Amino acid sequence: MKITFLEEAKYELDEAIEYYDLQSPGLDQQFFQEVLNTLDRVASFP
């Protein structure tokens, strides 16, 4: 299954990543990895 994001959702994800980076260095990467993990689960079990 291919998952695509609307442009607005991409913008919101970028904003969230930036927010988490400002909260704690490296937290942005942890957050993004969790997003990717969740997308993998959604694609595997639609």
Protein backbone atom coordinates (compact mmCIF):
# COMPACT_ATOMS: atom_id res chain seq x y z
CA MET A 1 0.00 0.00 0.00
CA LYS A 2 1.32 3.43 -0.92
CA ILE A 3 0.69 6.21 1.57
CA THR A 4 0.75 9.80 0.39
CA PHE A 5 0.41 13.05 2.30
CA LEU A 6 -1.48 16.14 1.32
CA GLU A 7 0.71 19.23 1.10
CA GLU A 8 -0.89 20.63 4.25
CA ALA A 9 -0.11 17.42 6.13
CA LYS A 10 3.51 17.54 4.96
CA TYR A 11 3.75 21.11 6.25
CA GLU A 12 2.24 20.10 9.61
CA LEU A 13 4.66 17.18 9.91
CA ASP A 14 7.60 19.48 9.20
CA GLU A 15 6.32 21.92 11.82
CA ALA A 16 5.95 19.14 14.39
CA ILE A 17 9.47 17.88 13.68
CA GLU A 18 10.84 21.39 14.14
CA TYR A 19 8.88 21.80 17.38
CA TYR A 20 10.28 18.57 18.84
CA ASP A 21 13.81 19.55 17.83
CA LEU A 22 13.42 22.79 19.77
CA GLN A 23 12.19 20.89 22.83
CA SER A 24 15.19 18.58 22.97
CA PRO A 25 17.96 17.89 20.45
CA GLY A 26 17.38 14.52 18.83
CA LEU A 27 13.74 14.34 19.85
CA ASP A 28 12.79 15.34 16.32
CA GLN A 29 14.44 12.22 14.93
CA GLN A 30 12.73 10.00 17.51
CA PHE A 31 9.39 11.54 16.63
CA PHE A 32 9.94 11.14 12.89
CA GLN A 33 10.98 7.51 13.36
CA GLU A 34 7.76 6.84 15.26
CA VAL A 35 5.78 8.44 12.42
CA LEU A 36 7.54 6.15 9.95
CA ASN A 37 6.91 3.11 12.15
CA THR A 38 3.23 3.99 12.36
CA LEU A 39 2.98 4.46 8.59
CA ASP A 40 4.58 1.03 8.12
CA ARG A 41 1.95 -0.53 10.40
CA VAL A 42 -0.88 1.25 8.59
CA ALA A 43 0.47 0.06 5.22
CA SER A 44 0.81 -3.50 6.50
CA PHE A 45 -2.62 -3.65 8.14
CA PRO A 46 -4.97 -1.31 6.25
